[in-house]
Amino acid sequence: MRAVRFERFGPPEVLGVGSVPEPHAGPGEVRIAVRTAGVSPVDLALRAGDSPSRDGLALPHVPGVDAAGVIDEVGPGVTGFTVGDAVFGAVDVARLGGASARFAVLAFWAAKPDAWSWEEAGAAATGVETATRALDLLGLTGEQDTTLLIDGASGGVGSIAVQLAAARGARVLATGRPASHAFLTSLGATPVAYGPGLAERVHALGIPRIDRALDVAGKGSLDELVALTGSPDSVVTLADFTGPGRGVRLSLGRYGGQPDGCHGLAFAAEQAVRGRFRVPVQAVFPADRAAEAHAAVATGPRRGKTVLDLTTLASGA
């Protein structure tokens, strides 16, 4: 089958379209004819050879963890889904990729909401899982009046976390560059300028308290976030590995930030059906421009996810 792949580690230009063996669904899995696949920072690190997982990577490698498409194989033990169903989800994290191809095997998935475009669906799964796991760690159950501050909220995970937190009933403050403030407001958050001096800017808004904080950016804000919430137990980071030394919980999942399971996908899809959740997509590139997509993710600024349109792989274009 045809796929986006790289045969050596290096800059985005090592990516190209070529042939790789066709995968098949195993127990508890489905295979999809891929329509779209998200581009994530983990894909860039693997391609560049900067990831600790590079030593276990067989080349050529097909990048991509998130994907959306139509089921064409159902593995043993799968119930509730059949060939022809439109779904979104992610590959088995142990494979470290495989989504940016004509066919991909999903380890967890949910039905694609009609309200989403294929581009949104292809960008959704790992961001939803990562954000859901972090919000669970913070104890945002929707049963209490909670103010949550998300630091670094305009990217793929942050923009999803804003909406899922609001869906749980939290009041959300979200940091970002001034150019992103209108975007953050559209997601349902109160925007705050990004960077040092965060506590002063939050207090200037007249907000009486910050109950919880989520660090998505990993840019050294943990001490301020702890001071704002009053306790390291009220802070979770997705990106700052110094967190545990400060008593802050680090949420990485089993495989360095990649998903543990289908946690949260059905809830996100339900919110989408109700018109309360969308997946921000910054840019869409065809398969033969995958190098440009990787370069775009590397340079930022990010306002949502970058996506590959893989429909041309079906025709061999």
Protein backbone atom coordinates (compact mmCIF):
# COMPACT_ATOMS: atom_id res chain seq x y z
CA MET A 1 0.00 0.00 0.00
CA ARG A 2 1.03 3.62 -0.37
CA ALA A 3 1.94 5.68 2.68
CA VAL A 4 3.80 8.72 3.90
CA ARG A 5 7.10 7.38 5.20
CA PHE A 6 10.75 8.12 5.93
CA GLU A 7 13.72 5.81 5.35
CA ARG A 8 16.24 7.74 7.44
CA PHE A 9 16.11 10.20 10.32
CA GLY A 10 16.42 13.85 9.48
CA PRO A 11 14.63 17.09 8.58
CA PRO A 12 11.09 17.19 7.16
CA GLU A 13 12.47 16.63 3.65
CA VAL A 14 13.17 12.96 4.45
CA LEU A 15 9.40 12.37 4.22
CA GLY A 16 7.95 11.04 1.00
CA VAL A 17 5.21 8.81 -0.38
CA GLY A 18 6.15 5.19 -1.03
CA SER A 19 5.11 1.57 -0.61
CA VAL A 20 4.94 -0.31 2.70
CA PRO A 21 3.37 -3.64 3.71
CA GLU A 22 -0.40 -3.54 4.27
CA PRO A 23 -1.48 -3.99 7.91
CA HIS A 24 -4.43 -6.08 9.09
CA ALA A 25 -6.70 -5.88 12.10
CA GLY A 26 -5.83 -8.13 15.01
CA PRO A 27 -7.91 -9.04 18.07
CA GLY A 28 -9.73 -6.02 19.47
CA GLU A 29 -8.72 -3.83 16.52
CA VAL A 30 -10.26 -2.39 13.38
CA ARG A 31 -8.61 -1.41 10.12
CA ILE A 32 -9.73 1.73 8.34
CA ALA A 33 -9.33 3.15 4.87
CA VAL A 34 -7.77 6.38 6.07
CA ARG A 35 -9.21 9.71 5.04
CA THR A 36 -7.19 12.01 7.29
CA ALA A 37 -4.42 11.76 9.88
CA GLY A 38 -3.16 14.26 12.42
CA VAL A 39 0.42 15.46 12.71
CA SER A 40 1.68 15.51 16.30
CA PRO A 41 4.92 16.66 17.98
CA VAL A 42 5.78 13.00 18.66
CA ASP A 43 5.82 12.40 14.89
CA LEU A 44 8.35 15.19 14.44
CA ALA A 45 10.60 13.87 17.21
CA LEU A 46 10.60 10.37 15.75
CA ARG A 47 11.31 11.60 12.23
CA ALA A 48 14.18 13.79 13.41
CA GLY A 49 15.67 10.97 15.48
CA ASP A 50 15.30 13.01 18.67
CA SER A 51 12.98 10.58 20.45
CA PRO A 52 14.32 7.97 22.90
CA SER A 53 12.15 5.51 20.96
CA ARG A 54 14.22 5.84 17.77
CA ASP A 55 16.30 2.76 18.61
CA GLY A 56 13.19 0.59 18.46
CA LEU A 57 11.97 2.06 15.19
CA ALA A 58 12.09 -0.10 12.05
CA LEU A 59 12.76 1.88 8.87
CA PRO A 60 11.04 2.80 6.66
CA HIS A 61 8.59 4.18 9.20
CA VAL A 62 5.08 5.52 8.65
CA PRO A 63 4.40 8.42 11.06
CA GLY A 64 1.07 9.37 12.58
CA VAL A 65 -0.96 8.30 15.60
CA ASP A 66 -4.36 9.95 15.01
CA ALA A 67 -6.53 8.92 12.06
CA ALA A 68 -10.09 8.93 10.76
CA GLY A 69 -11.69 6.86 8.03
CA VAL A 70 -14.07 4.04 7.18
CA ILE A 71 -13.73 0.57 8.70
CA ASP A 72 -12.86 -2.11 6.14
CA GLU A 73 -11.70 -4.91 8.50
CA VAL A 74 -12.96 -5.86 11.95
CA GLY A 75 -10.70 -7.93 14.21
CA PRO A 76 -11.80 -10.79 16.48
CA GLY A 77 -13.60 -9.66 19.63
CA VAL A 78 -14.77 -6.31 18.30
CA THR A 79 -18.46 -5.61 18.87
CA GLY A 80 -20.69 -2.65 18.04
CA PHE A 81 -18.82 -1.70 14.87
CA THR A 82 -18.86 -3.13 11.38
CA VAL A 83 -17.37 -2.64 7.93
CA GLY A 84 -18.49 0.68 6.48
CA ASP A 85 -18.68 2.58 9.79
CA ALA A 86 -17.02 6.01 9.87
CA VAL A 87 -14.74 6.29 12.91
CA PHE A 88 -11.91 8.30 14.43
CA GLY A 89 -9.22 6.99 16.74
CA ALA A 90 -5.56 6.14 17.17
CA VAL A 91 -3.10 3.36 16.47
CA ASP A 92 -1.51 1.07 19.05
CA VAL A 93 1.05 3.26 20.83
CA ALA A 94 3.62 0.44 20.78
CA ARG A 95 3.83 0.82 16.98
CA LEU A 96 4.76 4.50 17.32
CA GLY A 97 2.97 5.36 14.10
CA GLY A 98 1.25 3.95 11.05
CA ALA A 99 -1.67 6.36 10.65
CA SER A 100 -0.44 8.32 7.62
CA ALA A 101 -1.17 5.56 5.15
CA ARG A 102 -3.80 4.15 2.81
CA PHE A 103 -4.86 1.73 5.56
CA ALA A 104 -4.27 1.94 9.32
CA VAL A 105 -5.12 -0.33 12.23
CA LEU A 106 -6.77 1.43 15.17
CA ALA A 107 -6.38 0.20 18.74
CA PHE A 108 -9.07 2.55 20.07
CA TRP A 109 -11.78 4.48 18.31
CA ALA A 110 -15.29 5.94 18.41
CA ALA A 111 -17.96 6.73 15.85
CA LYS A 112 -17.24 9.90 13.87
CA PRO A 113 -19.87 12.56 14.64
CA ASP A 114 -21.66 13.86 11.55
CA ALA A 115 -20.97 17.35 12.90
CA TRP A 116 -17.24 16.91 12.29
CA SER A 117 -15.45 17.18 9.00
CA TRP A 118 -12.95 14.44 8.17
CA GLU A 119 -10.18 16.90 8.97
CA GLU A 120 -11.52 17.46 12.48
CA ALA A 121 -12.00 13.74 13.04
CA GLY A 122 -8.47 12.94 11.95
CA ALA A 123 -7.07 15.45 14.41
CA ALA A 124 -9.06 14.45 17.47
CA ALA A 125 -8.19 11.21 19.22
CA THR A 126 -4.90 11.67 21.08
CA GLY A 127 -5.69 15.27 21.98
CA VAL A 128 -9.01 14.18 23.49
CA GLU A 129 -7.40 11.30 25.39
CA THR A 130 -4.52 13.42 26.68
CA ALA A 131 -6.78 16.26 27.80
CA THR A 132 -9.29 13.86 29.38
CA ARG A 133 -6.59 12.09 31.36
CA ALA A 134 -5.24 15.39 32.69
CA LEU A 135 -8.68 16.71 33.65
CA ASP A 136 -9.41 13.46 35.47
CA LEU A 137 -6.16 13.80 37.43
CA LEU A 138 -7.22 17.30 38.40
CA GLY A 139 -10.52 15.98 39.69
CA LEU A 140 -12.73 17.98 37.34
CA THR A 141 -15.87 15.91 37.63
CA GLY A 142 -18.42 18.56 36.76
CA GLU A 143 -19.93 18.28 40.22
CA GLN A 144 -18.27 21.35 41.73
CA ASP A 145 -17.79 25.02 40.97
CA THR A 146 -14.19 25.09 39.73
CA THR A 147 -11.97 27.68 38.08
CA LEU A 148 -9.26 26.09 35.92
CA LEU A 149 -6.25 27.86 34.42
CA ILE A 150 -4.74 26.23 31.32
CA ASP A 151 -1.27 27.49 30.45
CA GLY A 152 -0.53 27.13 26.74
CA ALA A 153 -4.08 26.64 25.54
CA SER A 154 -4.10 27.43 21.83
CA GLY A 155 -2.41 24.29 20.48
CA GLY A 156 -3.93 20.93 19.59
CA VAL A 157 -4.21 19.58 23.16
CA GLY A 158 -4.80 22.90 24.93
CA SER A 159 -7.68 23.94 22.69
CA ILE A 160 -9.34 20.58 23.30
CA ALA A 161 -8.75 20.77 27.07
CA VAL A 162 -10.44 24.19 27.19
CA GLN A 163 -13.63 22.82 25.68
CA LEU A 164 -13.73 19.56 27.63
CA ALA A 165 -13.18 21.43 30.89
CA ALA A 166 -15.98 23.85 30.04
CA ALA A 167 -18.21 20.87 29.20
CA ARG A 168 -17.55 19.60 32.73
CA GLY A 169 -18.79 22.89 34.11
CA ALA A 170 -15.48 24.57 34.88
CA ARG A 171 -14.77 28.25 34.41
CA VAL A 172 -11.67 28.27 32.18
CA LEU A 173 -8.86 30.81 32.00
CA ALA A 174 -6.50 30.15 29.09
CA THR A 175 -3.11 31.65 28.35
CA GLY A 176 -1.87 32.46 24.88
CA ARG A 177 -0.21 35.13 22.82
CA PRO A 178 -2.39 38.21 22.18
CA ALA A 179 -2.97 37.08 18.59
CA SER A 180 -4.64 33.92 19.97
CA HIS A 181 -7.00 35.61 22.41
CA ALA A 182 -9.96 35.85 20.05
CA PHE A 183 -9.49 32.16 19.24
CA LEU A 184 -9.44 31.22 22.93
CA THR A 185 -12.55 33.30 23.58
CA SER A 186 -14.33 31.44 20.76
CA LEU A 187 -13.60 28.19 22.59
CA GLY A 188 -15.31 29.45 25.74
CA ALA A 189 -12.29 30.59 27.77
CA THR A 190 -11.24 33.87 29.32
CA PRO A 191 -7.88 34.66 27.66
CA VAL A 192 -4.82 35.75 29.63
CA ALA A 193 -1.47 36.88 28.22
CA TYR A 194 1.17 34.15 28.13
CA GLY A 195 4.55 34.37 29.91
CA PRO A 196 6.16 35.54 33.17
CA GLY A 197 4.06 37.64 35.51
CA LEU A 198 1.04 35.42 35.01
CA ALA A 199 -0.15 35.71 38.62
CA GLU A 200 -0.39 39.51 38.41
CA ARG A 201 -2.40 39.35 35.19
CA VAL A 202 -4.79 36.78 36.64
CA HIS A 203 -5.34 38.84 39.80
CA ALA A 204 -5.96 41.93 37.65
CA LEU A 205 -8.98 40.15 36.15
CA GLY A 206 -10.63 40.22 39.58
CA ILE A 207 -11.05 36.45 39.74
CA PRO A 208 -11.27 35.45 43.41
CA ARG A 209 -9.50 32.11 43.16
CA ILE A 210 -7.85 29.56 40.86
CA ASP A 211 -8.76 26.06 41.95
CA ARG A 212 -6.82 23.96 39.44
CA ALA A 213 -4.13 24.53 36.82
CA LEU A 214 -3.01 22.53 33.79
CA ASP A 215 0.39 23.19 32.21
CA VAL A 216 0.34 22.24 28.52
CA ALA A 217 3.23 24.43 27.36
CA GLY A 218 6.03 23.21 29.64
CA LYS A 219 7.70 26.65 29.59
CA GLY A 220 8.60 27.07 33.25
CA SER A 221 5.31 28.27 34.73
CA LEU A 222 4.91 25.61 37.42
CA ASP A 223 5.99 27.76 40.37
CA GLU A 224 3.47 30.45 39.40
CA LEU A 225 0.74 27.86 38.89
CA VAL A 226 1.40 26.35 42.32
CA ALA A 227 1.31 29.80 43.88
CA LEU A 228 -1.98 30.63 42.15
CA THR A 229 -3.72 27.41 43.22
CA GLY A 230 -2.11 27.24 46.65
CA SER A 231 -0.92 23.64 46.32
CA PRO A 232 1.14 21.47 43.96
CA ASP A 233 -1.61 18.87 44.32
CA SER A 234 -3.86 21.20 42.31
CA VAL A 235 -1.51 21.34 39.31
CA VAL A 236 -0.89 18.83 36.52
CA THR A 237 1.68 19.22 33.76
CA LEU A 238 1.80 17.51 30.40
CA ALA A 239 5.18 18.85 29.36
CA ASP A 240 7.46 19.89 32.26
CA PHE A 241 9.56 16.98 33.52
CA THR A 242 10.65 19.00 36.56
CA GLY A 243 7.09 18.78 37.89
CA PRO A 244 7.51 15.76 40.19
CA GLY A 245 10.41 17.52 41.92
CA ARG A 246 7.98 20.32 42.78
CA GLY A 247 5.22 17.95 43.89
CA VAL A 248 3.30 18.53 40.64
CA ARG A 249 1.85 15.50 38.92
CA LEU A 250 3.16 14.70 35.44
CA SER A 251 0.59 13.13 33.11
CA LEU A 252 2.26 11.11 30.38
CA GLY A 253 0.36 7.87 29.98
CA ARG A 254 2.18 4.61 29.35
CA TYR A 255 4.12 5.74 26.29
CA GLY A 256 5.44 9.27 26.79
CA GLY A 257 2.21 11.16 26.33
CA GLN A 258 0.58 8.84 23.83
CA PRO A 259 -2.83 7.40 24.64
CA ASP A 260 -3.63 4.64 27.11
CA GLY A 261 -7.03 3.82 25.60
CA CYS A 262 -10.32 5.11 24.26
CA HIS A 263 -10.83 7.20 27.38
CA GLY A 264 -12.98 10.23 26.63
CA LEU A 265 -13.62 9.78 22.91
CA ALA A 266 -17.30 8.97 23.26
CA PHE A 267 -17.87 11.98 25.55
CA ALA A 268 -16.14 14.32 23.08
CA ALA A 269 -18.20 12.91 20.22
CA GLU A 270 -21.39 13.38 22.24
CA GLN A 271 -20.49 17.00 22.93
CA ALA A 272 -19.81 17.50 19.21
CA VAL A 273 -23.28 16.20 18.36
CA ARG A 274 -24.70 18.78 20.77
CA GLY A 275 -22.69 21.54 19.10
CA ARG A 276 -20.54 22.03 22.21
CA PHE A 277 -17.20 20.70 21.00
CA ARG A 278 -15.10 21.15 17.90
CA VAL A 279 -11.59 20.14 16.96
CA PRO A 280 -9.62 23.22 15.90
CA VAL A 281 -7.66 22.55 12.71
CA GLN A 282 -4.94 25.00 11.77
CA ALA A 283 -3.92 23.62 8.37
CA VAL A 284 -4.52 20.69 6.00
CA PHE A 285 -1.88 19.32 3.62
CA PRO A 286 -2.11 16.57 0.98
CA ALA A 287 0.02 13.46 1.47
CA ASP A 288 2.69 14.53 -0.99
CA ARG A 289 3.26 17.70 1.06
CA ALA A 290 3.84 15.92 4.37
CA ALA A 291 7.24 17.59 4.70
CA GLU A 292 5.54 21.00 4.65
CA ALA A 293 3.08 19.81 7.30
CA HIS A 294 5.91 18.74 9.62
CA ALA A 295 7.70 22.04 9.06
CA ALA A 296 4.53 23.97 9.86
CA VAL A 297 4.03 22.11 13.16
CA ALA A 298 7.66 22.73 14.11
CA THR A 299 7.57 26.48 13.57
CA GLY A 300 4.13 27.37 15.00
CA PRO A 301 2.35 29.34 16.33
CA ARG A 302 -0.26 26.65 16.88
CA ARG A 303 -4.00 27.23 16.87
CA GLY A 304 -5.21 23.68 16.71
CA LYS A 305 -3.93 20.66 14.81
CA THR A 306 -2.25 20.18 11.46
CA VAL A 307 -3.76 17.40 9.36
CA LEU A 308 -2.80 15.28 6.33
CA ASP A 309 -5.42 14.51 3.68
CA LEU A 310 -4.60 10.96 2.59
CA THR A 311 -7.43 10.38 0.10
CA THR A 312 -5.02 10.70 -2.83
CA LEU A 313 -3.24 7.54 -1.69
CA ALA A 314 -6.27 5.49 -2.75
CA SER A 315 -5.82 6.53 -6.39
CA GLY A 316 -2.05 6.25 -6.35
CA ALA A 317 -1.66 9.99 -6.99
